Amino acid sequence: MTLLRQRFNPLIILLTGLLLVLCLSSSALADHTNKAPRHILLLNSYHQSMTWVSKIVQAVNDELQPDRNNLVVHIENMDTKRFHDPEYLQSLYRYYQQKYRQTKFELILSSDNNAFDFLRQHRDELFPGVPVAFCGVNFFKQEQLTGHTNFTGVEEVFDAAATLRTALKNHPETREVLIINDYLKTGRAWEKTIRQQLAPFAQRVKLNYVNNLSLTELEQQIACLPADSILLLGVYFSDREGRYLTYERVGAMLARFSKVPVYCLLEFNIGTGVVGGNVISGYYQGRTMAKLGKRILQGETAGQIPVLHKGANRNIFDFKQLQRFNINPAQLPSDHIIINQPYSIYQEYLGIIWVTIGFISLLLLTIIALLLSNTRRRKAEFKLSNSEQKLRGLFDQAFEMMGLLAPDGILLDANQSALELIG
């Protein structure tokens, strides 16, 4: 009985431990479930149909994981690309006031300038004291937060110089660069900044900036570009005649009429004929904002977190266009991302494949070592056997009487001569 107890004690201890862990887990889950959810408002400046907005929403969900963390994310899309008059904005104010008068928010996430400006004007009335983390704000200045508490975020800063540097490395024969922006307020502001960023390149290539053209005139200008040119697309939403286009359609249109490589500064221009560039990415802007939001939810004060001016852009390129223009991925920036790349089992399971190769190699080396050891052992046994046979032959053929005695005097072995003499 004592022996049985000794044998089963470790098993009992193990089962008790498992039950305790399960109880604690269930208790933690119950606590998490019973807690009131924390409410977050995501206020987007634009319409949900824009890829930029959908990428931001996806990034926020990926980073915050509302279902796992007991969060409720309320999403409002202001649609201010199409509607932006004061009356419309005032109607949004009244709508949010009515809709959320009973909701206590822990955090507000805000994308792009119009939502940011709206919150600077109305946050203290609609959502008093609620911390704000923003993204996608163009031409941010710290003075914009003067008099406003609990604001932080990530600025939307494009890097035309980084994109052109990569483009010229990919196409060293380039002599001319055509830079395209529309003549809306944002387009003119972008052109001004691009001129400043690209000024150091003026000695190396000719920099041409498009005028306020219709789409037809723009298409004709692009079609006539010489072979030693490249095209750099900034921001383009409407032409001189008031034709509005989505950013995705603009990239596809320019690529369709261009015989030379098209580079860009916004991620959603990539994928329909544009090579790529150092781009502002809706997904990474949103994800950076959400990371700041997590810090706030964990107890940090928004106003004490500095606004980020770098770190949200990515070097993104289209595999099909890299092939089309014979661009070697090895000469792209080291942190590049390539889209539209054909599926590769090798790339997908690179780590597993190399671990498997290493394991098989180790097995092969072990087998080879064992085979070599076995060969050496057989050779040694063969030599020993030959030596024994020779010694036996000498022992048996000797004329003298020879024998092998044990310490106690027992005769263990004797040669033929000894047998003949003593019988």
Protein backbone atom coordinates (compact mmCIF):
# COMPACT_ATOMS: atom_id res chain seq x y z
CA MET A 1 0.00 0.00 0.00
CA THR A 2 2.83 2.41 0.87
CA LEU A 3 4.46 1.63 -2.48
CA LEU A 4 1.20 2.41 -4.31
CA ARG A 5 0.91 5.75 -2.52
CA GLN A 6 4.48 6.66 -3.47
CA ARG A 7 3.78 5.79 -7.11
CA PHE A 8 0.52 7.74 -7.37
CA ASN A 9 1.54 10.86 -5.36
CA PRO A 10 3.22 12.63 -8.37
CA LEU A 11 0.17 11.88 -10.55
CA ILE A 12 -2.20 13.30 -7.92
CA ILE A 13 -0.02 16.42 -7.59
CA LEU A 14 0.01 16.89 -11.37
CA LEU A 15 -3.79 16.51 -11.69
CA THR A 16 -4.33 18.89 -8.78
CA GLY A 17 -2.09 21.47 -10.45
CA LEU A 18 -3.97 21.17 -13.76
CA LEU A 19 -7.32 21.61 -12.02
CA LEU A 20 -6.00 24.68 -10.19
CA VAL A 21 -4.78 26.22 -13.48
CA LEU A 22 -8.17 25.54 -15.12
CA CYS A 23 -10.00 27.10 -12.18
CA LEU A 24 -7.82 30.22 -12.25
CA SER A 25 -8.22 30.52 -16.03
CA SER A 26 -12.00 30.18 -15.76
CA SER A 27 -12.03 32.77 -13.00
CA ALA A 28 -9.94 35.20 -15.07
CA LEU A 29 -12.20 34.62 -18.08
CA ALA A 30 -15.28 35.22 -15.96
CA ASP A 31 -13.77 38.44 -14.57
CA HIS A 32 -12.91 39.60 -18.11
CA THR A 33 -16.40 38.76 -19.37
CA ASN A 34 -18.15 40.39 -16.41
CA LYS A 35 -16.20 43.64 -16.72
CA ALA A 36 -17.95 46.46 -18.55
CA PRO A 37 -16.40 46.92 -22.04
CA ARG A 38 -14.26 49.98 -22.73
CA HIS A 39 -15.56 52.21 -25.53
CA ILE A 40 -13.37 53.75 -28.24
CA LEU A 41 -14.39 56.15 -31.01
CA LEU A 42 -12.65 55.97 -34.40
CA LEU A 43 -13.44 59.18 -36.31
CA ASN A 44 -12.40 59.04 -39.99
CA SER A 45 -12.34 62.18 -42.12
CA TYR A 46 -13.34 60.35 -45.28
CA HIS A 47 -15.80 57.75 -46.59
CA GLN A 48 -15.50 54.05 -45.71
CA SER A 49 -15.31 53.09 -49.40
CA MET A 50 -11.84 54.66 -49.70
CA THR A 51 -9.03 52.12 -49.47
CA TRP A 52 -7.15 54.54 -47.20
CA VAL A 53 -9.98 54.43 -44.64
CA SER A 54 -10.51 50.66 -44.85
CA LYS A 55 -6.77 50.10 -44.27
CA ILE A 56 -6.83 52.32 -41.18
CA VAL A 57 -9.84 50.44 -39.78
CA GLN A 58 -8.12 47.11 -40.47
CA ALA A 59 -4.94 48.28 -38.75
CA VAL A 60 -6.83 49.48 -35.66
CA ASN A 61 -8.62 46.12 -35.34
CA ASP A 62 -5.36 44.18 -35.89
CA GLU A 63 -3.53 46.15 -33.22
CA LEU A 64 -6.23 46.58 -30.57
CA GLN A 65 -8.00 43.21 -31.09
CA PRO A 66 -11.30 44.45 -29.60
CA ASP A 67 -12.88 41.00 -29.09
CA ARG A 68 -9.94 39.69 -27.08
CA ASN A 69 -9.48 42.87 -25.05
CA ASN A 70 -13.12 43.66 -24.20
CA LEU A 71 -13.20 46.82 -26.33
CA VAL A 72 -16.07 48.30 -28.31
CA VAL A 73 -14.91 50.37 -31.29
CA HIS A 74 -17.47 52.85 -32.66
CA ILE A 75 -16.59 53.94 -36.21
CA GLU A 76 -17.78 57.22 -37.73
CA ASN A 77 -16.87 58.26 -41.30
CA MET A 78 -17.29 62.01 -41.86
CA ASP A 79 -17.11 61.82 -45.70
CA THR A 80 -15.57 65.30 -45.87
CA LYS A 81 -13.88 64.75 -49.24
CA ARG A 82 -17.31 65.31 -50.79
CA PHE A 83 -19.10 67.34 -48.10
CA HIS A 84 -17.19 69.94 -46.15
CA ASP A 85 -19.29 73.13 -45.86
CA PRO A 86 -19.85 74.59 -42.35
CA GLU A 87 -23.53 73.57 -42.31
CA TYR A 88 -22.65 69.93 -42.94
CA LEU A 89 -20.00 69.94 -40.21
CA GLN A 90 -22.48 71.51 -37.80
CA SER A 91 -24.99 68.75 -38.59
CA LEU A 92 -22.29 66.16 -37.77
CA TYR A 93 -21.73 67.92 -34.45
CA ARG A 94 -25.44 67.66 -33.57
CA TYR A 95 -25.55 64.03 -34.74
CA TYR A 96 -22.61 62.94 -32.57
CA GLN A 97 -23.97 64.93 -29.65
CA GLN A 98 -27.28 63.07 -29.82
CA LYS A 99 -25.87 59.64 -30.63
CA TYR A 100 -23.14 59.48 -27.98
CA ARG A 101 -24.61 61.54 -25.14
CA GLN A 102 -24.77 58.39 -22.94
CA THR A 103 -21.49 56.80 -24.07
CA LYS A 104 -18.34 57.15 -22.00
CA PHE A 105 -15.29 56.89 -24.25
CA GLU A 106 -11.87 55.87 -22.96
CA LEU A 107 -10.11 56.96 -26.17
CA ILE A 108 -10.73 58.73 -29.48
CA LEU A 109 -8.76 57.73 -32.60
CA SER A 110 -8.83 60.26 -35.41
CA SER A 111 -7.67 59.92 -39.04
CA ASP A 112 -6.69 62.81 -41.32
CA ASN A 113 -6.91 66.58 -41.05
CA ASN A 114 -10.67 67.18 -41.13
CA ALA A 115 -11.40 64.86 -38.20
CA PHE A 116 -8.39 66.28 -36.35
CA ASP A 117 -9.62 69.87 -36.87
CA PHE A 118 -13.18 68.87 -35.92
CA LEU A 119 -11.96 67.40 -32.62
CA ARG A 120 -9.78 70.39 -31.86
CA GLN A 121 -12.88 72.53 -32.20
CA HIS A 122 -15.50 70.29 -30.56
CA ARG A 123 -13.82 67.58 -28.43
CA ASP A 124 -14.17 69.50 -25.16
CA GLU A 125 -17.91 69.99 -25.76
CA LEU A 126 -18.77 66.54 -27.18
CA PHE A 127 -16.30 64.32 -25.31
CA PRO A 128 -14.82 66.33 -22.40
CA GLY A 129 -11.35 65.20 -21.38
CA VAL A 130 -11.26 62.08 -23.59
CA PRO A 131 -7.70 61.53 -24.88
CA VAL A 132 -7.11 61.70 -28.64
CA ALA A 133 -4.56 59.83 -30.80
CA PHE A 134 -4.49 60.91 -34.45
CA CYS A 135 -2.92 59.83 -37.72
CA GLY A 136 -2.83 61.07 -41.32
CA VAL A 137 -2.47 64.75 -40.42
CA ASN A 138 -0.68 66.67 -43.17
CA PHE A 139 1.65 69.58 -42.42
CA PHE A 140 1.24 69.22 -38.67
CA LYS A 141 2.59 72.02 -36.50
CA GLN A 142 2.96 71.74 -32.74
CA GLU A 143 1.19 75.10 -32.35
CA GLN A 144 -2.01 73.39 -33.49
CA LEU A 145 -2.18 71.73 -30.08
CA THR A 146 -1.74 74.96 -28.12
CA GLY A 147 -4.62 75.18 -25.69
CA HIS A 148 -5.63 71.55 -26.32
CA THR A 149 -4.85 68.87 -23.74
CA ASN A 150 -4.53 65.09 -24.13
CA PHE A 151 -3.68 65.01 -27.84
CA THR A 152 -0.96 62.91 -29.48
CA GLY A 153 -0.52 61.04 -32.75
CA VAL A 154 1.53 60.41 -35.86
CA GLU A 155 2.03 63.00 -38.57
CA GLU A 156 1.56 62.11 -42.25
CA VAL A 157 4.91 63.05 -43.81
CA PHE A 158 5.85 61.97 -47.34
CA ASP A 159 9.46 61.58 -48.44
CA ALA A 160 9.78 62.46 -52.13
CA ALA A 161 13.58 62.54 -51.87
CA ALA A 162 13.75 58.92 -50.66
CA THR A 163 11.49 57.78 -53.50
CA LEU A 164 13.46 59.68 -56.18
CA ARG A 165 16.75 58.39 -54.75
CA THR A 166 15.51 54.80 -55.17
CA ALA A 167 14.10 55.55 -58.64
CA LEU A 168 17.39 57.00 -59.90
CA LYS A 169 19.26 54.01 -58.51
CA ASN A 170 16.89 51.72 -60.42
CA HIS A 171 17.11 53.83 -63.61
CA PRO A 172 20.54 55.52 -63.69
CA GLU A 173 19.95 56.67 -67.30
CA THR A 174 17.15 59.05 -66.18
CA ARG A 175 17.47 62.65 -67.39
CA GLU A 176 13.99 64.03 -66.66
CA VAL A 177 11.41 63.63 -63.89
CA LEU A 178 7.78 64.69 -64.33
CA ILE A 179 6.10 65.45 -60.98
CA ILE A 180 2.29 65.33 -60.86
CA ASN A 181 -0.05 66.94 -58.30
CA ASP A 182 -3.52 68.37 -58.75
CA TYR A 183 -4.38 72.04 -58.14
CA LEU A 184 -6.62 71.53 -55.13
CA LYS A 185 -5.45 72.94 -51.79
CA THR A 186 -3.70 69.71 -50.75
CA GLY A 187 -2.10 69.25 -54.18
CA ARG A 188 -0.61 72.75 -54.16
CA ALA A 189 0.72 72.24 -50.63
CA TRP A 190 2.27 68.92 -51.65
CA GLU A 191 3.96 70.47 -54.69
CA LYS A 192 5.49 73.18 -52.52
CA THR A 193 6.98 70.60 -50.14
CA ILE A 194 8.11 68.32 -52.99
CA ARG A 195 9.96 71.25 -54.61
CA GLN A 196 11.83 71.78 -51.33
CA GLN A 197 12.64 68.07 -50.90
CA LEU A 198 13.83 67.58 -54.48
CA ALA A 199 15.87 70.77 -54.80
CA PRO A 200 19.19 68.87 -54.25
CA PHE A 201 18.45 66.72 -57.35
CA ALA A 202 18.15 69.69 -59.73
CA GLN A 203 21.80 69.43 -60.78
CA ARG A 204 21.45 65.77 -61.71
CA VAL A 205 18.06 65.61 -63.50
CA LYS A 206 15.54 68.00 -65.00
CA LEU A 207 12.54 68.42 -62.68
CA ASN A 208 9.26 69.29 -64.44
CA TYR A 209 6.06 70.07 -62.53
CA VAL A 210 2.74 69.71 -64.36
CA ASN A 211 0.45 72.71 -64.75
CA ASN A 212 -3.24 72.73 -63.96
CA LEU A 213 -4.30 70.46 -66.84
CA SER A 214 -7.36 68.51 -67.83
CA LEU A 215 -7.02 64.73 -67.71
CA THR A 216 -6.86 64.61 -71.53
CA GLU A 217 -4.00 67.13 -71.61
CA LEU A 218 -2.22 65.27 -68.82
CA GLU A 219 -2.52 61.97 -70.69
CA GLN A 220 -1.05 63.55 -73.83
CA GLN A 221 1.90 65.00 -71.89
CA ILE A 222 2.62 61.62 -70.29
CA ALA A 223 2.41 59.76 -73.59
CA CYS A 224 5.06 62.07 -75.11
CA LEU A 225 7.67 61.62 -72.37
CA PRO A 226 11.12 60.56 -73.68
CA ALA A 227 12.48 57.12 -72.81
CA ASP A 228 15.00 58.53 -70.31
CA SER A 229 12.21 59.94 -68.09
CA ILE A 230 10.40 58.76 -65.00
CA LEU A 231 7.12 59.93 -63.51
CA LEU A 232 6.59 60.84 -59.83
CA LEU A 233 2.97 60.96 -58.65
CA GLY A 234 2.18 63.05 -55.60
CA VAL A 235 -1.48 63.61 -54.75
CA TYR A 236 -4.11 63.84 -57.49
CA PHE A 237 -7.86 63.89 -56.87
CA SER A 238 -9.36 66.27 -59.44
CA ASP A 239 -8.36 67.84 -62.79
CA ARG A 240 -8.86 71.42 -64.00
CA GLU A 241 -12.36 70.60 -65.31
CA GLY A 242 -13.54 69.26 -61.95
CA ARG A 243 -13.36 65.55 -62.81
CA TYR A 244 -12.87 63.65 -59.57
CA LEU A 245 -10.99 60.36 -59.43
CA THR A 246 -10.15 57.89 -56.71
CA TYR A 247 -6.46 57.67 -55.92
CA GLU A 248 -6.41 54.07 -57.17
CA ARG A 249 -7.86 55.08 -60.57
CA VAL A 250 -5.29 57.87 -60.95
CA GLY A 251 -2.39 55.45 -60.53
CA ALA A 252 -3.90 53.01 -63.02
CA MET A 253 -4.64 55.78 -65.53
CA LEU A 254 -1.14 57.26 -65.44
CA ALA A 255 0.47 53.83 -65.75
CA ARG A 256 -1.74 52.99 -68.73
CA PHE A 257 -0.58 56.02 -70.70
CA SER A 258 3.03 55.97 -69.55
CA LYS A 259 5.79 54.03 -71.28
CA VAL A 260 8.24 55.03 -68.56
CA PRO A 261 8.28 53.93 -64.88
CA VAL A 262 5.76 55.57 -62.55
CA TYR A 263 6.72 56.06 -58.88
CA CYS A 264 4.43 57.35 -56.14
CA LEU A 265 4.21 58.64 -52.56
CA LEU A 266 0.91 57.01 -51.51
CA GLU A 267 0.46 53.27 -51.01
CA PHE A 268 -2.93 52.94 -52.67
CA ASN A 269 -1.48 54.07 -56.02
CA ILE A 270 0.53 50.80 -56.07
CA GLY A 271 -0.85 47.61 -57.60
CA THR A 272 -2.23 48.83 -60.93
CA GLY A 273 0.90 49.62 -62.92
CA VAL A 274 2.88 51.86 -60.56
CA VAL A 275 6.37 50.66 -59.55
CA GLY A 276 6.16 51.90 -55.94
CA GLY A 277 8.22 54.11 -53.66
CA ASN A 278 8.69 55.28 -50.09
CA VAL A 279 4.98 55.64 -49.45
CA ILE A 280 2.52 56.87 -46.89
CA SER A 281 0.53 53.79 -45.94
CA GLY A 282 -2.96 53.95 -44.49
CA TYR A 283 -2.40 50.63 -42.76
CA TYR A 284 0.87 51.62 -41.06
CA GLN A 285 -0.44 55.10 -40.20
CA GLY A 286 -3.43 53.42 -38.54
CA ARG A 287 -1.32 50.82 -36.79
CA THR A 288 1.09 53.42 -35.40
CA MET A 289 -1.88 55.45 -34.12
CA ALA A 290 -3.41 52.33 -32.53
CA LYS A 291 -0.12 51.55 -30.76
CA LEU A 292 -0.20 55.02 -29.24
CA GLY A 293 -3.82 54.34 -28.26
CA LYS A 294 -2.78 51.13 -26.48
CA ARG A 295 -0.29 53.09 -24.41
CA ILE A 296 -3.05 55.50 -23.41
CA LEU A 297 -5.42 52.63 -22.50
CA GLN A 298 -2.63 51.17 -20.37
CA GLY A 299 -2.44 54.37 -18.32
CA GLU A 300 -0.09 56.81 -20.08
CA THR A 301 -1.22 60.41 -20.50
CA ALA A 302 -1.77 61.30 -24.16
CA GLY A 303 -0.36 64.82 -23.75
CA GLN A 304 2.93 63.42 -22.46
CA ILE A 305 3.47 61.19 -25.51
CA PRO A 306 5.33 63.17 -28.21
CA VAL A 307 3.77 63.40 -31.68
CA LEU A 308 5.64 61.10 -34.09
CA HIS A 309 7.00 62.63 -37.29
CA LYS A 310 8.67 59.51 -38.73
CA GLY A 311 8.34 55.75 -38.68
CA ALA A 312 4.98 55.12 -40.36
CA ASN A 313 6.12 55.11 -44.02
CA ARG A 314 7.15 51.94 -45.88
CA ASN A 315 9.17 51.14 -49.03
CA ILE A 316 6.60 49.19 -51.06
CA PHE A 317 7.01 47.94 -54.65
CA ASP A 318 4.98 45.94 -57.17
CA PHE A 319 6.64 42.68 -58.27
CA LYS A 320 5.09 42.85 -61.76
CA GLN A 321 6.52 46.32 -62.39
CA LEU A 322 9.93 45.32 -61.06
CA GLN A 323 9.95 42.59 -63.71
CA ARG A 324 8.58 44.87 -66.41
CA PHE A 325 11.40 47.40 -65.97
CA ASN A 326 14.12 44.81 -65.13
CA ILE A 327 14.67 46.11 -61.60
CA ASN A 328 16.67 43.83 -59.35
CA PRO A 329 15.03 43.62 -55.87
CA ALA A 330 18.52 43.42 -54.36
CA GLN A 331 19.06 47.12 -55.14
CA LEU A 332 15.88 48.23 -53.35
CA PRO A 333 16.06 49.63 -49.78
CA SER A 334 16.79 46.87 -47.28
CA ASP A 335 13.41 47.21 -45.53
CA HIS A 336 11.36 46.95 -48.74
CA ILE A 337 8.02 45.15 -49.10
CA ILE A 338 7.05 43.55 -52.43
CA ILE A 339 3.39 43.00 -53.35
CA ASN A 340 1.90 40.82 -56.12
CA GLN A 341 4.77 38.38 -55.76
CA PRO A 342 3.88 34.83 -56.97
CA TYR A 343 3.30 32.39 -54.14
CA SER A 344 6.47 30.55 -53.16
CA ILE A 345 6.45 27.56 -50.82
CA TYR A 346 10.13 28.24 -50.19
CA GLN A 347 9.49 31.85 -49.07
CA GLU A 348 6.40 30.88 -47.06
CA TYR A 349 8.14 28.10 -45.10
CA LEU A 350 11.73 29.35 -45.27
CA GLY A 351 12.47 28.75 -41.59
CA ILE A 352 10.90 25.28 -41.48
CA ILE A 353 12.68 24.24 -44.70
CA TRP A 354 16.11 25.27 -43.40
CA VAL A 355 15.51 23.61 -40.01
CA THR A 356 14.51 20.42 -41.86
CA ILE A 357 17.57 20.63 -44.11
CA GLY A 358 19.77 21.10 -41.04
CA PHE A 359 18.16 18.15 -39.26
CA ILE A 360 18.54 15.86 -42.32
CA SER A 361 22.17 17.00 -42.74
CA LEU A 362 22.84 16.16 -39.08
CA LEU A 363 21.29 12.72 -39.55
CA LEU A 364 23.38 12.10 -42.68
CA LEU A 365 26.57 13.14 -40.86
CA THR A 366 25.66 10.83 -37.96
CA ILE A 367 25.04 7.92 -40.35
CA ILE A 368 28.34 8.57 -42.17
CA ALA A 369 30.18 8.74 -38.83
CA LEU A 370 28.60 5.44 -37.74
CA LEU A 371 29.50 3.79 -41.06
CA LEU A 372 33.10 4.97 -40.77
CA SER A 373 33.27 3.77 -37.15
CA ASN A 374 31.82 0.38 -38.16
CA THR A 375 34.35 0.06 -41.00
CA ARG A 376 37.23 0.84 -38.66
CA ARG A 377 35.91 -1.69 -36.12
CA ARG A 378 35.67 -4.42 -38.76
CA LYS A 379 39.20 -3.71 -39.93
CA ALA A 380 40.43 -3.92 -36.35
CA GLU A 381 38.53 -7.18 -35.79
CA PHE A 382 39.96 -8.60 -39.01
CA LYS A 383 43.53 -7.71 -37.95
CA LEU A 384 42.92 -9.16 -34.50
CA SER A 385 41.52 -12.36 -35.99
CA ASN A 386 44.59 -12.71 -38.26
CA SER A 387 46.89 -12.09 -35.31
CA GLU A 388 45.08 -14.75 -33.24
CA GLN A 389 45.32 -17.27 -36.07
CA LYS A 390 49.05 -16.64 -36.48
CA LEU A 391 49.67 -16.97 -32.74
CA ARG A 392 47.59 -20.14 -32.63
CA GLY A 393 49.56 -21.57 -35.47
CA LEU A 394 52.87 -20.84 -33.75
CA PHE A 395 51.49 -22.17 -30.47
CA ASP A 396 50.31 -25.48 -31.96
CA GLN A 397 53.35 -26.06 -34.19
CA ALA A 398 55.98 -25.45 -31.50
CA PHE A 399 58.12 -28.56 -30.64
CA GLU A 400 58.35 -27.51 -27.03
CA MET A 401 55.61 -28.32 -24.61
CA MET A 402 53.53 -25.16 -24.06
CA GLY A 403 50.44 -24.55 -21.96
CA LEU A 404 48.32 -21.91 -20.30
CA LEU A 405 47.74 -22.25 -16.56
CA ALA A 406 45.23 -20.42 -14.36
CA PRO A 407 46.45 -18.88 -11.08
CA ASP A 408 44.99 -21.84 -9.20
CA GLY A 409 47.03 -24.27 -11.29
CA ILE A 410 44.29 -25.50 -13.61
CA LEU A 411 45.48 -26.10 -17.16
CA LEU A 412 43.41 -23.95 -19.50
CA ASP A 413 45.10 -24.72 -22.80
CA ALA A 414 47.99 -26.74 -24.22
CA ASN A 415 49.67 -27.15 -27.59
CA GLN A 416 49.93 -30.36 -29.58
CA SER A 417 53.38 -31.18 -28.22
CA ALA A 418 52.09 -30.99 -24.64
CA LEU A 419 49.12 -33.21 -25.45
CA GLU A 420 51.40 -35.84 -27.00
CA LEU A 421 53.71 -35.87 -24.00
CA ILE A 422 51.19 -35.81 -21.13
CA GLY A 423 48.13 -37.24 -22.79
